[in-house]
C-alpha atoms as a PDB file:
ATOM      1  CA  MET A   1      82.110  44.544  45.758  1.00  0.00           C
ATOM      2  CA  LYS A   2      79.211  44.091  43.400  1.00  0.00           C
ATOM      3  CA  THR A   3      76.877  41.048  43.734  1.00  0.00           C
ATOM      4  CA  PHE A   4      76.533  38.392  40.952  1.00  0.00           C
ATOM      5  CA  SER A   5      73.168  39.733  40.351  1.00  0.00           C
ATOM      6  CA  ALA A   6      74.375  43.263  40.067  1.00  0.00           C
ATOM      7  CA  ILE A   7      77.120  42.289  37.612  1.00  0.00           C
ATOM      8  CA  ALA A   8      74.585  40.167  35.476  1.00  0.00           C
ATOM      9  CA  TYR A   9      72.203  43.226  35.447  1.00  0.00           C
ATOM     10  CA  THR A  10      75.280  45.657  34.372  1.00  0.00           C
ATOM     11  CA  LEU A  11      76.279  43.175  31.376  1.00  0.00           C
ATOM     12  CA  ARG A  12      72.847  42.997  30.232  1.00  0.00           C
ATOM     13  CA  GLN A  13      72.234  46.872  30.116  1.00  0.00           C
ATOM     14  CA  THR A  14      75.735  47.083  28.423  1.00  0.00           C
ATOM     15  CA  ALA A  15      74.994  44.323  26.037  1.00  0.00           C
ATOM     16  CA  GLY A  16      71.497  45.900  25.050  1.00  0.00           C
ATOM     17  CA  ALA A  17      73.191  49.220  24.493  1.00  0.00           C
ATOM     18  CA  THR A  18      75.957  47.522  22.372  1.00  0.00           C
ATOM     19  CA  PHE A  19      73.246  45.938  20.429  1.00  0.00           C
ATOM     20  CA  LEU A  20      70.994  49.385  20.034  1.00  0.00           C
ATOM     21  CA  ILE A  21      74.450  51.106  18.813  1.00  0.00           C
ATOM     22  CA  ALA A  22      75.135  48.358  16.197  1.00  0.00           C
ATOM     23  CA  ALA A  23      71.669  48.506  14.895  1.00  0.00           C
ATOM     24  CA  CYS A  24      71.671  52.153  14.666  1.00  0.00           C
ATOM     25  CA  ALA A  25      75.268  51.904  13.061  1.00  0.00           C
ATOM     26  CA  LEU A  26      73.841  49.725  10.165  1.00  0.00           C
ATOM     27  CA  PRO A  27      73.753  51.249   6.647  1.00  0.00           C
ATOM     28  CA  MET A  28      70.236  52.541   5.864  1.00  0.00           C
ATOM     29  CA  GLY A  29      70.259  50.321   2.760  1.00  0.00           C
ATOM     30  CA  ALA A  30      70.705  47.141   4.856  1.00  0.00           C
ATOM     31  CA  THR A  31      67.326  47.656   6.919  1.00  0.00           C
ATOM     32  CA  ALA A  32      65.604  48.838   3.697  1.00  0.00           C
ATOM     33  CA  GLN A  33      66.548  45.635   2.089  1.00  0.00           C
ATOM     34  CA  LYS A  34      65.270  43.498   4.898  1.00  0.00           C
ATOM     35  CA  THR A  35      61.880  45.341   4.516  1.00  0.00           C
ATOM     36  CA  ASP A  36      61.835  44.802   0.831  1.00  0.00           C
ATOM     37  CA  LYS A  37      62.308  41.229   1.214  1.00  0.00           C
ATOM     38  CA  LYS A  38      59.137  40.910   3.446  1.00  0.00           C
ATOM     39  CA  ALA A  39      56.931  43.026   1.234  1.00  0.00           C
ATOM     40  CA  ALA A  40      55.215  41.480  -1.802  1.00  0.00           C
ATOM     41  CA  PRO A  41      56.765  42.865  -5.148  1.00  0.00           C
ATOM     42  CA  VAL A  42      53.627  44.584  -6.358  1.00  0.00           C
ATOM     43  CA  ALA A  43      53.648  46.970  -3.435  1.00  0.00           C
ATOM     44  CA  THR A  44      56.413  49.046  -5.119  1.00  0.00           C
ATOM     45  CA  TRP A  45      54.991  48.618  -8.736  1.00  0.00           C
ATOM     46  CA  PRO A  46      56.389  49.745 -10.830  1.00  0.00           C
ATOM     47  CA  SER A  47      59.956  49.497  -9.911  1.00  0.00           C
ATOM     48  CA  ARG A  48      61.644  50.091 -13.078  1.00  0.00           C
ATOM     49  CA  PRO A  49      60.809  51.386 -16.730  1.00  0.00           C
ATOM     50  CA  VAL A  50      57.559  50.085 -18.120  1.00  0.00           C
ATOM     51  CA  HIS A  51      57.725  48.926 -21.863  1.00  0.00           C
ATOM     52  CA  ILE A  52      54.703  49.116 -24.129  1.00  0.00           C
ATOM     53  CA  LEU A  53      55.055  47.021 -27.212  1.00  0.00           C
ATOM     54  CA  VAL A  54      53.295  48.154 -30.359  1.00  0.00           C
ATOM     55  CA  GLY A  55      53.262  45.817 -33.499  1.00  0.00           C
ATOM     56  CA  PHE A  56      53.160  48.473 -36.050  1.00  0.00           C
ATOM     57  CA  PRO A  57      55.720  51.163 -37.454  1.00  0.00           C
ATOM     58  CA  GLY A  58      56.337  54.270 -35.710  1.00  0.00           C
ATOM     59  CA  GLY A  59      53.754  56.904 -37.077  1.00  0.00           C
ATOM     60  CA  SER A  60      50.911  54.272 -37.316  1.00  0.00           C
ATOM     61  CA  SER A  61      47.645  54.946 -35.609  1.00  0.00           C
ATOM     62  CA  PRO A  62      48.246  52.439 -32.958  1.00  0.00           C
ATOM     63  CA  ASP A  63      51.637  53.638 -32.374  1.00  0.00           C
ATOM     64  CA  SER A  64      50.375  57.347 -32.078  1.00  0.00           C
ATOM     65  CA  ALA A  65      47.861  56.285 -29.516  1.00  0.00           C
ATOM     66  CA  ALA A  66      50.312  54.312 -27.611  1.00  0.00           C
ATOM     67  CA  ARG A  67      52.764  57.364 -27.544  1.00  0.00           C
ATOM     68  CA  THR A  68      50.058  59.869 -26.495  1.00  0.00           C
ATOM     69  CA  LEU A  69      49.353  57.461 -23.427  1.00  0.00           C
ATOM     70  CA  ALA A  70      52.797  57.016 -22.581  1.00  0.00           C
ATOM     71  CA  GLU A  71      53.990  60.376 -21.610  1.00  0.00           C
ATOM     72  CA  PRO A  72      51.069  61.201 -18.978  1.00  0.00           C
ATOM     73  CA  LEU A  73      51.333  57.442 -17.700  1.00  0.00           C
ATOM     74  CA  SER A  74      55.017  57.987 -17.137  1.00  0.00           C
ATOM     75  CA  ARG A  75      54.390  61.069 -14.815  1.00  0.00           C
ATOM     76  CA  ALA A  76      51.667  59.223 -13.109  1.00  0.00           C
ATOM     77  CA  LEU A  77      53.765  55.993 -12.511  1.00  0.00           C
ATOM     78  CA  GLY A  78      57.005  57.852 -11.769  1.00  0.00           C
ATOM     79  CA  GLN A  79      58.928  55.683 -14.030  1.00  0.00           C
ATOM     80  CA  PRO A  80      59.575  55.933 -17.771  1.00  0.00           C
ATOM     81  CA  VAL A  81      57.043  54.329 -20.117  1.00  0.00           C
ATOM     82  CA  ILE A  82      58.862  53.307 -23.147  1.00  0.00           C
ATOM     83  CA  VAL A  83      56.990  52.438 -26.562  1.00  0.00           C
ATOM     84  CA  ASP A  84      58.809  49.685 -28.381  1.00  0.00           C
ATOM     85  CA  ASN A  85      57.889  49.233 -32.002  1.00  0.00           C
ATOM     86  CA  LYS A  86      57.962  45.478 -33.192  1.00  0.00           C
ATOM     87  CA  PRO A  87      56.128  45.427 -36.431  1.00  0.00           C
ATOM     88  CA  GLY A  88      55.172  42.295 -38.284  1.00  0.00           C
ATOM     89  CA  ALA A  89      52.275  39.781 -38.834  1.00  0.00           C
ATOM     90  CA  SER A  90      49.622  42.398 -38.565  1.00  0.00           C
ATOM     91  CA  GLY A  91      50.735  43.130 -34.796  1.00  0.00           C
ATOM     92  CA  ASN A  92      50.878  39.452 -33.666  1.00  0.00           C
ATOM     93  CA  ILE A  93      54.632  39.453 -33.274  1.00  0.00           C
ATOM     94  CA  ALA A  94      54.282  42.190 -30.840  1.00  0.00           C
ATOM     95  CA  ALA A  95      51.238  40.515 -29.223  1.00  0.00           C
ATOM     96  CA  ASP A  96      53.013  37.248 -28.819  1.00  0.00           C
ATOM     97  CA  GLN A  97      56.033  38.828 -26.928  1.00  0.00           C
ATOM     98  CA  VAL A  98      53.416  40.487 -24.382  1.00  0.00           C
ATOM     99  CA  ALA A  99      51.804  37.194 -23.902  1.00  0.00           C
ATOM    100  CA  LYS A 100      54.908  35.573 -23.239  1.00  0.00           C
ATOM    101  CA  ALA A 101      56.400  38.463 -20.934  1.00  0.00           C
ATOM    102  CA  VAL A 102      57.330  37.141 -17.441  1.00  0.00           C
ATOM    103  CA  ASP A 103      57.200  40.323 -15.588  1.00  0.00           C
ATOM    104  CA  ASP A 104      54.725  43.044 -14.621  1.00  0.00           C
ATOM    105  CA  HIS A 105      56.500  45.707 -16.678  1.00  0.00           C
ATOM    106  CA  THR A 106      55.999  44.441 -20.209  1.00  0.00           C
ATOM    107  CA  LEU A 107      52.513  45.791 -21.549  1.00  0.00           C
ATOM    108  CA  GLY A 108      50.947  45.941 -25.255  1.00  0.00           C
ATOM    109  CA  VAL A 109      48.841  48.542 -27.217  1.00  0.00           C
ATOM    110  CA  VAL A 110      47.022  46.044 -29.481  1.00  0.00           C
ATOM    111  CA  ILE A 111      44.061  46.436 -32.180  1.00  0.00           C
ATOM    112  CA  ASN A 112      40.999  44.429 -32.146  1.00  0.00           C
ATOM    113  CA  GLY A 113      42.215  42.000 -34.782  1.00  0.00           C
ATOM    114  CA  ASN A 114      45.049  40.736 -32.484  1.00  0.00           C
ATOM    115  CA  LEU A 115      42.437  39.967 -29.959  1.00  0.00           C
ATOM    116  CA  THR A 116      39.599  38.720 -31.970  1.00  0.00           C
ATOM    117  CA  SER A 117      39.872  37.378 -35.346  1.00  0.00           C
ATOM    118  CA  ALA A 118      43.701  36.591 -35.317  1.00  0.00           C
ATOM    119  CA  LYS A 119      42.835  33.125 -33.502  1.00  0.00           C
ATOM    120  CA  MET A 120      40.427  32.066 -36.322  1.00  0.00           C
ATOM    121  CA  LEU A 121      42.586  33.224 -39.162  1.00  0.00           C
ATOM    122  CA  TYR A 122      46.044  31.817 -38.336  1.00  0.00           C
ATOM    123  CA  ALA A 123      46.257  28.170 -37.967  1.00  0.00           C
ATOM    124  CA  LYS A 124      49.496  28.465 -35.829  1.00  0.00           C
ATOM    125  CA  LEU A 125      49.010  31.548 -33.911  1.00  0.00           C
ATOM    126  CA  PRO A 126      51.327  31.330 -31.015  1.00  0.00           C
ATOM    127  CA  TYR A 127      49.029  32.836 -28.302  1.00  0.00           C
ATOM    128  CA  ASP A 128      45.407  32.481 -27.266  1.00  0.00           C
ATOM    129  CA  PRO A 129      44.056  36.151 -27.206  1.00  0.00           C
ATOM    130  CA  LEU A 130      41.573  35.081 -24.364  1.00  0.00           C
ATOM    131  CA  LYS A 131      43.905  33.022 -22.325  1.00  0.00           C
ATOM    132  CA  ASP A 132      47.311  34.915 -22.663  1.00  0.00           C
ATOM    133  CA  PHE A 133      46.386  38.368 -21.765  1.00  0.00           C
ATOM    134  CA  THR A 134      45.230  40.410 -19.026  1.00  0.00           C
ATOM    135  CA  PRO A 135      42.826  43.149 -20.358  1.00  0.00           C
ATOM    136  CA  ILE A 136      43.304  46.599 -18.937  1.00  0.00           C
ATOM    137  CA  SER A 137      41.314  48.968 -20.703  1.00  0.00           C
ATOM    138  CA  LEU A 138      39.861  49.794 -24.326  1.00  0.00           C
ATOM    139  CA  LEU A 139      41.978  52.968 -25.367  1.00  0.00           C
ATOM    140  CA  THR A 140      40.426  54.241 -28.608  1.00  0.00           C
ATOM    141  CA  THR A 141      37.813  53.571 -31.127  1.00  0.00           C
ATOM    142  CA  ALA A 142      36.973  54.864 -34.877  1.00  0.00           C
ATOM    143  CA  PRO A 143      34.575  53.995 -37.434  1.00  0.00           C
ATOM    144  CA  LEU A 144      35.269  53.096 -41.083  1.00  0.00           C
ATOM    145  CA  VAL A 145      33.642  54.982 -43.714  1.00  0.00           C
ATOM    146  CA  LEU A 146      32.411  53.241 -47.033  1.00  0.00           C
ATOM    147  CA  VAL A 147      33.683  55.026 -49.901  1.00  0.00           C
ATOM    148  CA  ALA A 148      33.083  54.842 -53.637  1.00  0.00           C
ATOM    149  CA  PRO A 149      33.777  56.786 -56.886  1.00  0.00           C
ATOM    150  CA  PRO A 150      31.806  59.850 -57.295  1.00  0.00           C
ATOM    151  CA  ASN A 151      29.656  58.848 -60.106  1.00  0.00           C
ATOM    152  CA  LEU A 152      27.942  55.860 -58.168  1.00  0.00           C
ATOM    153  CA  PRO A 153      24.465  56.537 -56.431  1.00  0.00           C
ATOM    154  CA  SER A 154      24.315  57.289 -52.791  1.00  0.00           C
ATOM    155  CA  GLY A 155      22.455  55.747 -49.967  1.00  0.00           C
ATOM    156  CA  SER A 156      20.086  52.610 -50.618  1.00  0.00           C
ATOM    157  CA  GLU A 157      20.480  53.188 -54.363  1.00  0.00           C
ATOM    158  CA  PHE A 158      24.280  52.533 -54.069  1.00  0.00           C
ATOM    159  CA  PHE A 159      23.474  48.942 -52.654  1.00  0.00           C
ATOM    160  CA  ALA A 160      20.851  48.158 -55.456  1.00  0.00           C
ATOM    161  CA  ALA A 161      23.623  49.133 -57.883  1.00  0.00           C
ATOM    162  CA  ALA A 162      25.926  46.806 -56.095  1.00  0.00           C
ATOM    163  CA  ARG A 163      23.580  43.804 -55.922  1.00  0.00           C
ATOM    164  CA  ASN A 164      23.145  44.351 -59.747  1.00  0.00           C
ATOM    165  CA  GLY A 165      26.729  44.609 -60.377  1.00  0.00           C
ATOM    166  CA  GLY A 166      27.345  41.158 -58.872  1.00  0.00           C
ATOM    167  CA  SER A 167      30.889  39.807 -59.169  1.00  0.00           C
ATOM    168  CA  ARG A 168      31.634  42.456 -61.837  1.00  0.00           C
ATOM    169  CA  TRP A 169      32.150  44.751 -58.706  1.00  0.00           C
ATOM    170  CA  ASN A 170      35.435  44.821 -56.599  1.00  0.00           C
ATOM    171  CA  TYR A 171      36.109  46.164 -53.347  1.00  0.00           C
ATOM    172  CA  GLY A 172      39.718  46.644 -51.651  1.00  0.00           C
ATOM    173  CA  SER A 173      41.254  46.239 -48.448  1.00  0.00           C
ATOM    174  CA  VAL A 174      44.870  46.533 -46.967  1.00  0.00           C
ATOM    175  CA  GLY A 175      45.265  42.633 -46.957  1.00  0.00           C
ATOM    176  CA  ASN A 176      43.710  39.233 -46.283  1.00  0.00           C
ATOM    177  CA  GLY A 177      42.065  39.277 -42.597  1.00  0.00           C
ATOM    178  CA  SER A 178      42.418  42.959 -42.204  1.00  0.00           C
ATOM    179  CA  VAL A 179      39.442  44.768 -40.753  1.00  0.00           C
ATOM    180  CA  GLY A 180      38.496  46.309 -44.038  1.00  0.00           C
ATOM    181  CA  HIS A 181      38.475  42.935 -45.678  1.00  0.00           C
ATOM    182  CA  LEU A 182      36.498  41.173 -42.764  1.00  0.00           C
ATOM    183  CA  GLY A 183      34.287  44.209 -42.446  1.00  0.00           C
ATOM    184  CA  MET A 184      33.334  44.354 -46.152  1.00  0.00           C
ATOM    185  CA  GLU A 185      32.431  40.499 -46.043  1.00  0.00           C
ATOM    186  CA  LEU A 186      30.128  41.173 -43.133  1.00  0.00           C
ATOM    187  CA  LEU A 187      28.548  44.222 -44.908  1.00  0.00           C
ATOM    188  CA  LYS A 188      28.087  42.068 -47.973  1.00  0.00           C
ATOM    189  CA  SER A 189      25.905  39.365 -45.972  1.00  0.00           C
ATOM    190  CA  LYS A 190      23.985  42.646 -44.041  1.00  0.00           C
ATOM    191  CA  ALA A 191      23.176  44.367 -47.269  1.00  0.00           C
ATOM    192  CA  GLY A 192      21.565  41.728 -49.139  1.00  0.00           C
ATOM    193  CA  ASP A 193      24.270  39.134 -50.089  1.00  0.00           C
ATOM    194  CA  LEU A 194      26.580  41.332 -52.264  1.00  0.00           C
ATOM    195  CA  THR A 195      28.972  39.405 -54.356  1.00  0.00           C
ATOM    196  CA  ALA A 196      31.503  41.982 -55.005  1.00  0.00           C
ATOM    197  CA  VAL A 197      35.018  40.534 -55.406  1.00  0.00           C
ATOM    198  CA  HIS A 198      37.981  41.390 -52.874  1.00  0.00           C
ATOM    199  CA  ILE A 199      41.201  42.609 -54.120  1.00  0.00           C
ATOM    200  CA  PRO A 200      44.091  42.955 -51.600  1.00  0.00           C
ATOM    201  CA  TYR A 201      46.381  45.930 -51.557  1.00  0.00           C
ATOM    202  CA  GLN A 202      49.501  46.788 -49.491  1.00  0.00           C
ATOM    203  CA  GLY A 203      47.874  49.738 -47.763  1.00  0.00           C
ATOM    204  CA  ASN A 204      45.118  52.313 -48.018  1.00  0.00           C
ATOM    205  CA  PRO A 205      46.944  54.852 -50.083  1.00  0.00           C
ATOM    206  CA  GLN A 206      46.902  52.001 -52.739  1.00  0.00           C
ATOM    207  CA  VAL A 207      43.181  51.314 -52.066  1.00  0.00           C
ATOM    208  CA  ILE A 208      42.581  54.997 -52.659  1.00  0.00           C
ATOM    209  CA  THR A 209      44.379  54.897 -55.851  1.00  0.00           C
ATOM    210  CA  ALA A 210      42.356  52.031 -57.164  1.00  0.00           C
ATOM    211  CA  LEU A 211      39.130  53.692 -56.124  1.00  0.00           C
ATOM    212  CA  LEU A 212      40.092  56.716 -57.898  1.00  0.00           C
ATOM    213  CA  GLY A 213      41.360  54.964 -60.982  1.00  0.00           C
ATOM    214  CA  GLY A 214      38.041  52.824 -61.125  1.00  0.00           C
ATOM    215  CA  GLN A 215      39.818  49.282 -60.439  1.00  0.00           C
ATOM    216  CA  ILE A 216      37.356  49.030 -57.550  1.00  0.00           C
ATOM    217  CA  GLN A 217      33.995  50.376 -56.706  1.00  0.00           C
ATOM    218  CA  MET A 218      34.003  50.520 -52.958  1.00  0.00           C
ATOM    219  CA  ALA A 219      36.125  50.086 -49.774  1.00  0.00           C
ATOM    220  CA  LEU A 220      36.183  50.585 -46.109  1.00  0.00           C
ATOM    221  CA  VAL A 221      38.796  53.180 -45.083  1.00  0.00           C
ATOM    222  CA  PRO A 222      39.543  55.095 -42.064  1.00  0.00           C
ATOM    223  CA  PRO A 223      37.862  58.827 -41.771  1.00  0.00           C
ATOM    224  CA  GLY A 224      41.307  60.415 -41.581  1.00  0.00           C
ATOM    225  CA  ILE A 225      42.232  58.897 -44.943  1.00  0.00           C
ATOM    226  CA  ALA A 226      38.627  59.280 -46.527  1.00  0.00           C
ATOM    227  CA  LEU A 227      37.697  62.940 -45.798  1.00  0.00           C
ATOM    228  CA  PRO A 228      40.525  64.724 -47.853  1.00  0.00           C
ATOM    229  CA  GLN A 229      39.298  62.768 -50.899  1.00  0.00           C
ATOM    230  CA  ILE A 230      35.706  63.215 -50.101  1.00  0.00           C
ATOM    231  CA  LYS A 231      35.839  67.037 -49.385  1.00  0.00           C
ATOM    232  CA  ALA A 232      37.733  67.351 -52.949  1.00  0.00           C
ATOM    233  CA  GLY A 233      34.967  65.527 -54.622  1.00  0.00           C
ATOM    234  CA  LYS A 234      37.143  62.643 -55.797  1.00  0.00           C
ATOM    235  CA  LEU A 235      35.266  60.063 -53.690  1.00  0.00           C
ATOM    236  CA  LYS A 236      31.772  59.814 -52.341  1.00  0.00           C
ATOM    237  CA  ALA A 237      30.832  58.571 -48.545  1.00  0.00           C
ATOM    238  CA  ILE A 238      28.216  56.166 -48.632  1.00  0.00           C
ATOM    239  CA  GLY A 239      28.113  55.960 -44.813  1.00  0.00           C
ATOM    240  CA  LEU A 240      29.851  55.232 -41.437  1.00  0.00           C
ATOM    241  CA  THR A 241      30.186  51.642 -40.059  1.00  0.00           C
ATOM    242  CA  SER A 242      28.936  52.922 -36.759  1.00  0.00           C
ATOM    243  CA  GLY A 243      26.585  55.566 -35.361  1.00  0.00           C
ATOM    244  CA  ARG A 244      27.203  59.150 -35.843  1.00  0.00           C
ATOM    245  CA  SER A 245      30.769  60.095 -34.993  1.00  0.00           C
ATOM    246  CA  SER A 246      32.387  63.420 -34.129  1.00  0.00           C
ATOM    247  CA  LEU A 247      35.338  62.300 -36.281  1.00  0.00           C
ATOM    248  CA  ALA A 248      33.298  62.542 -39.278  1.00  0.00           C
ATOM    249  CA  SER A 249      29.969  64.248 -38.416  1.00  0.00           C
ATOM    250  CA  GLU A 250      28.922  65.069 -41.870  1.00  0.00           C
ATOM    251  CA  ILE A 251      28.612  61.380 -42.695  1.00  0.00           C
ATOM    252  CA  PRO A 252      25.492  59.556 -42.014  1.00  0.00           C
ATOM    253  CA  PRO A 253      25.643  55.987 -40.640  1.00  0.00           C
ATOM    254  CA  LEU A 254      25.115  53.168 -43.031  1.00  0.00           C
ATOM    255  CA  ALA A 255      21.849  52.451 -40.899  1.00  0.00           C
ATOM    256  CA  ASP A 256      20.436  55.508 -43.119  1.00  0.00           C
ATOM    257  CA  ALA A 257      21.014  53.457 -46.030  1.00  0.00           C
ATOM    258  CA  GLU A 258      18.746  50.660 -44.801  1.00  0.00           C
ATOM    259  CA  VAL A 259      21.776  48.486 -43.736  1.00  0.00           C
ATOM    260  CA  ARG A 260      20.588  47.204 -40.463  1.00  0.00           C
ATOM    261  CA  ASN A 261      22.394  45.501 -37.498  1.00  0.00           C
ATOM    262  CA  PHE A 262      25.867  46.488 -38.937  1.00  0.00           C
ATOM    263  CA  ASN A 263      28.442  48.132 -36.488  1.00  0.00           C
ATOM    264  CA  LEU A 264      31.980  48.016 -37.054  1.00  0.00           C
ATOM    265  CA  GLU A 265      34.845  49.989 -35.525  1.00  0.00           C
ATOM    266  CA  VAL A 266      38.688  49.719 -35.411  1.00  0.00           C
ATOM    267  CA  TRP A 267      39.970  49.971 -31.950  1.00  0.00           C
ATOM    268  CA  THR A 268      43.095  49.990 -29.638  1.00  0.00           C
ATOM    269  CA  ALA A 269      43.272  48.399 -26.095  1.00  0.00           C
ATOM    270  CA  LEU A 270      45.970  48.054 -23.279  1.00  0.00           C
ATOM    271  CA  VAL A 271      46.691  44.646 -22.266  1.00  0.00           C
ATOM    272  CA  GLY A 272      49.440  42.713 -20.067  1.00  0.00           C
ATOM    273  CA  PRO A 273      50.463  39.174 -19.999  1.00  0.00           C
ATOM    274  CA  ALA A 274      48.069  36.848 -18.256  1.00  0.00           C
ATOM    275  CA  ASN A 275      50.520  36.740 -15.174  1.00  0.00           C
ATOM    276  CA  LEU A 276      50.148  40.535 -14.656  1.00  0.00           C
ATOM    277  CA  SER A 277      49.634  41.195 -10.897  1.00  0.00           C
ATOM    278  CA  PRO A 278      46.294  42.328  -9.804  1.00  0.00           C
ATOM    279  CA  ALA A 279      47.906  45.297  -8.170  1.00  0.00           C
ATOM    280  CA  ALA A 280      49.516  46.409 -11.424  1.00  0.00           C
ATOM    281  CA  LYS A 281      46.200  45.749 -13.367  1.00  0.00           C
ATOM    282  CA  ALA A 282      44.330  47.922 -10.941  1.00  0.00           C
ATOM    283  CA  ARG A 283      46.811  50.760 -10.891  1.00  0.00           C
ATOM    284  CA  LEU A 284      47.045  50.822 -14.762  1.00  0.00           C
ATOM    285  CA  ASN A 285      43.300  50.746 -15.222  1.00  0.00           C
ATOM    286  CA  GLN A 286      42.963  53.740 -12.505  1.00  0.00           C
ATOM    287  CA  GLU A 287      45.547  55.724 -14.152  1.00  0.00           C
ATOM    288  CA  VAL A 288      44.510  55.143 -18.007  1.00  0.00           C
ATOM    289  CA  SER A 289      40.969  55.874 -17.044  1.00  0.00           C
ATOM    290  CA  ARG A 290      42.126  59.391 -15.641  1.00  0.00           C
ATOM    291  CA  ILE A 291      44.467  60.113 -18.426  1.00  0.00           C
ATOM    292  CA  ILE A 292      41.698  59.342 -21.029  1.00  0.00           C
ATOM    293  CA  ARG A 293      39.217  61.880 -19.435  1.00  0.00           C
ATOM    294  CA  ASP A 294      41.893  64.494 -19.688  1.00  0.00           C
ATOM    295  CA  PRO A 295      40.714  67.227 -22.350  1.00  0.00           C
ATOM    296  CA  GLU A 296      44.245  67.564 -23.801  1.00  0.00           C
ATOM    297  CA  THR A 297      44.565  63.769 -24.024  1.00  0.00           C
ATOM    298  CA  ARG A 298      41.358  63.490 -25.746  1.00  0.00           C
ATOM    299  CA  GLN A 299      42.140  66.416 -28.161  1.00  0.00           C
ATOM    300  CA  LYS A 300      45.475  64.983 -29.085  1.00  0.00           C
ATOM    301  CA  LEU A 301      43.769  61.596 -30.058  1.00  0.00           C
ATOM    302  CA  PHE A 302      40.986  63.201 -31.925  1.00  0.00           C
ATOM    303  CA  ASN A 303      43.593  64.948 -33.986  1.00  0.00           C
ATOM    304  CA  GLN A 304      45.060  61.443 -34.696  1.00  0.00           C
ATOM    305  CA  GLY A 305      41.562  60.108 -35.982  1.00  0.00           C
ATOM    306  CA  TRP A 306      40.575  58.445 -32.557  1.00  0.00           C
ATOM    307  CA  GLN A 307      37.760  58.675 -30.190  1.00  0.00           C
ATOM    308  CA  ALA A 308      39.127  58.497 -26.704  1.00  0.00           C
ATOM    309  CA  VAL A 309      37.099  55.668 -24.788  1.00  0.00           C
ATOM    310  CA  GLY A 310      38.485  53.964 -21.507  1.00  0.00           C
ATOM    311  CA  THR A 311      36.519  51.004 -19.918  1.00  0.00           C
ATOM    312  CA  SER A 312      37.051  48.652 -17.146  1.00  0.00           C
ATOM    313  CA  PRO A 313      39.006  45.607 -17.710  1.00  0.00           C
ATOM    314  CA  GLU A 314      35.771  43.724 -17.579  1.00  0.00           C
ATOM    315  CA  GLY A 315      34.385  45.990 -20.318  1.00  0.00           C
ATOM    316  CA  LEU A 316      37.266  45.438 -22.695  1.00  0.00           C
ATOM    317  CA  LEU A 317      36.908  41.503 -22.104  1.00  0.00           C
ATOM    318  CA  SER A 318      33.107  41.609 -22.937  1.00  0.00           C
ATOM    319  CA  ARG A 319      34.018  43.704 -26.084  1.00  0.00           C
ATOM    320  CA  ILE A 320      36.702  40.998 -27.133  1.00  0.00           C
ATOM    321  CA  ARG A 321      34.227  38.150 -26.824  1.00  0.00           C
ATOM    322  CA  ASN A 322      31.434  39.737 -28.566  1.00  0.00           C
ATOM    323  CA  GLU A 323      33.585  40.639 -31.558  1.00  0.00           C
ATOM    324  CA  THR A 324      35.181  37.392 -31.639  1.00  0.00           C
ATOM    325  CA  ALA A 325      31.781  35.815 -31.899  1.00  0.00           C
ATOM    326  CA  ILE A 326      30.698  37.954 -34.800  1.00  0.00           C
ATOM    327  CA  MET A 327      33.878  37.990 -36.912  1.00  0.00           C
ATOM    328  CA  GLY A 328      34.469  34.299 -36.239  1.00  0.00           C
ATOM    329  CA  GLY A 329      30.814  33.799 -37.818  1.00  0.00           C
ATOM    330  CA  ILE A 330      31.961  35.741 -41.004  1.00  0.00           C
ATOM    331  CA  ILE A 331      35.315  34.004 -41.010  1.00  0.00           C
ATOM    332  CA  ALA A 332      33.776  30.602 -40.930  1.00  0.00           C
ATOM    333  CA  MET A 333      30.973  31.434 -43.588  1.00  0.00           C
ATOM    334  CA  ARG A 334      33.535  32.868 -46.032  1.00  0.00           C
ATOM    335  CA  GLY A 335      36.216  30.118 -45.274  1.00  0.00           C
ATOM    336  CA  ILE A 336      39.032  32.860 -44.813  1.00  0.00           C
ATOM    337  CA  LYS A 337      42.167  31.787 -43.683  1.00  0.00           C
ATOM    338  CA  ILE A 338      45.775  33.109 -43.596  1.00  0.00           C
ATOM    339  CA  GLU A 339      48.830  30.594 -44.037  1.00  0.00           C
END
């Protein structure tokens, strides 16, 4: 007859075996679920498709840059990366939706205006560019080309003619507060206080038509739009708004025409909402930096009229702050506002 101690020992062994069998019989999902509850959510980021909002229509320059990034980024993250076009208000509608996103799976490809001049141009902008976003990386840049009708002089003589023309001269842009508008006002102050009058148009094709028709004497336009007209002899390139660029290697910088301390580019950047987790931010910057260095990606962006860049989050933030100060100065000086 077993003693009480022996019986107790046998029960303990049997109970232990029963517990072990029961634990092994649990569904795999049950043990995984328990582990997931203990792990931080960012450990498995991304856990579902990532959406990139673009505030411009499909086929636009920011949209093309976003879609070029999305395919290799999807492969790297192991999740679909979906580009959603949310056009309106010069990209500010999409930017606001990114700023108000409450998860780590909504990002935005925005242009410089959304992060720099918008706050000063719009009295009721629903987001704060410096507080409501997590900078991830600068993606692409491109200079603008100052173009004029072919009968006007070149170089420094062009600016002498512009000063003599006074307010009889006009310049065009794609709208109030656009980079072409603010850039020309900045250029006017750098080139000897030109007084040419601004005429807004619906888009760059209308600006080109006005140049060809003689309604305006100058405009800042992207190289991809300017070069065909320049090569055909229908427009004249006065200079680039940056240093020498591979996007338009035959066009000299405006500095060659004695316009000093003037540098202006259009650019795109990848941002997330302010509450984007540090892990997601770090992973995205790492992957974007790798993708931007890829020769195939760089060539695709070049064909779209972009120079591939890629920066640290801190580098993007520095650029935002510097450009905000420059554009803020010209907006205040000229009293430019958008209702």
